[in-house]
Amino acid sequence: MTWQAWVNIILGLWLIVSPWVLKFSDQSTPMWNSIIVGIVVAILSYLQSTQQNKS
């Protein structure tokens, strides 16, 4: 994995935990948006990095 993939995965994880760290977990729409986008970013970054390693 490249360092860019690791940064993207860490940023995705940050988006997942940020509603609780930044205290906006009581607001449903922004909280779920952050969680879903974080999951998508982390998964796509991981999948992209594994595809690059295969080729």
C-alpha atoms as a PDB file:
ATOM      1  CA  MET A   1       0.000   0.000   0.000  1.00  0.00           C
ATOM      2  CA  THR A   2       1.165   3.470  -0.788  1.00  0.00           C
ATOM      3  CA  TRP A   3       1.214   6.283   1.718  1.00  0.00           C
ATOM      4  CA  GLN A   4      -1.670   7.957  -0.153  1.00  0.00           C
ATOM      5  CA  ALA A   5      -3.881   4.918   0.409  1.00  0.00           C
ATOM      6  CA  TRP A   6      -3.065   4.947   4.122  1.00  0.00           C
ATOM      7  CA  VAL A   7      -3.909   8.654   4.344  1.00  0.00           C
ATOM      8  CA  ASN A   8      -7.250   8.089   2.608  1.00  0.00           C
ATOM      9  CA  ILE A   9      -8.096   5.164   4.895  1.00  0.00           C
ATOM     10  CA  ILE A  10      -7.233   7.227   7.980  1.00  0.00           C
ATOM     11  CA  LEU A  11      -9.355  10.121   6.696  1.00  0.00           C
ATOM     12  CA  GLY A  12     -12.234   7.716   6.093  1.00  0.00           C
ATOM     13  CA  LEU A  13     -11.929   6.436   9.645  1.00  0.00           C
ATOM     14  CA  TRP A  14     -11.813  10.010  10.914  1.00  0.00           C
ATOM     15  CA  LEU A  15     -15.082  10.744   9.109  1.00  0.00           C
ATOM     16  CA  ILE A  16     -16.636   7.727  10.828  1.00  0.00           C
ATOM     17  CA  VAL A  17     -15.678   8.820  14.360  1.00  0.00           C
ATOM     18  CA  SER A  18     -15.911  12.600  13.866  1.00  0.00           C
ATOM     19  CA  PRO A  19     -19.592  12.949  14.873  1.00  0.00           C
ATOM     20  CA  TRP A  20     -18.694  11.859  18.406  1.00  0.00           C
ATOM     21  CA  VAL A  21     -15.352  13.633  18.602  1.00  0.00           C
ATOM     22  CA  LEU A  22     -16.764  16.912  17.296  1.00  0.00           C
ATOM     23  CA  LYS A  23     -20.042  16.502  19.241  1.00  0.00           C
ATOM     24  CA  PHE A  24     -22.564  16.545  16.405  1.00  0.00           C
ATOM     25  CA  SER A  25     -23.862  13.014  16.884  1.00  0.00           C
ATOM     26  CA  ASP A  26     -27.186  14.420  18.099  1.00  0.00           C
ATOM     27  CA  GLN A  27     -27.881  15.722  14.569  1.00  0.00           C
ATOM     28  CA  SER A  28     -29.054  12.740  12.577  1.00  0.00           C
ATOM     29  CA  THR A  29     -28.467  13.839   8.973  1.00  0.00           C
ATOM     30  CA  PRO A  30     -24.906  15.165   9.324  1.00  0.00           C
ATOM     31  CA  MET A  31     -23.943  12.224  11.521  1.00  0.00           C
ATOM     32  CA  TRP A  32     -25.119   9.582   9.038  1.00  0.00           C
ATOM     33  CA  ASN A  33     -23.655  11.500   6.132  1.00  0.00           C
ATOM     34  CA  SER A  34     -20.256  11.521   7.815  1.00  0.00           C
ATOM     35  CA  ILE A  35     -20.439   7.834   8.699  1.00  0.00           C
ATOM     36  CA  ILE A  36     -21.550   6.685   5.248  1.00  0.00           C
ATOM     37  CA  VAL A  37     -19.031   8.844   3.377  1.00  0.00           C
ATOM     38  CA  GLY A  38     -16.280   7.671   5.739  1.00  0.00           C
ATOM     39  CA  ILE A  39     -17.110   4.022   5.116  1.00  0.00           C
ATOM     40  CA  VAL A  40     -17.188   4.559   1.343  1.00  0.00           C
ATOM     41  CA  VAL A  41     -13.871   6.451   1.339  1.00  0.00           C
ATOM     42  CA  ALA A  42     -12.109   3.848   3.483  1.00  0.00           C
ATOM     43  CA  ILE A  43     -13.414   0.858   1.511  1.00  0.00           C
ATOM     44  CA  LEU A  44     -12.760   2.357  -1.917  1.00  0.00           C
ATOM     45  CA  SER A  45      -9.269   3.423  -0.915  1.00  0.00           C
ATOM     46  CA  TYR A  46      -8.492  -0.060   0.368  1.00  0.00           C
ATOM     47  CA  LEU A  47      -9.883  -1.731  -2.749  1.00  0.00           C
ATOM     48  CA  GLN A  48      -7.993   0.637  -5.038  1.00  0.00           C
ATOM     49  CA  SER A  49      -4.716  -0.020  -3.239  1.00  0.00           C
ATOM     50  CA  THR A  50      -5.166  -3.797  -3.435  1.00  0.00           C
ATOM     51  CA  GLN A  51      -5.929  -3.568  -7.166  1.00  0.00           C
ATOM     52  CA  GLN A  52      -2.735  -1.562  -7.730  1.00  0.00           C
ATOM     53  CA  ASN A  53      -0.702  -4.214  -5.914  1.00  0.00           C
ATOM     54  CA  LYS A  54      -2.064  -6.991  -8.161  1.00  0.00           C
ATOM     55  CA  SER A  55      -1.058  -5.290 -11.407  1.00  0.00           C
END
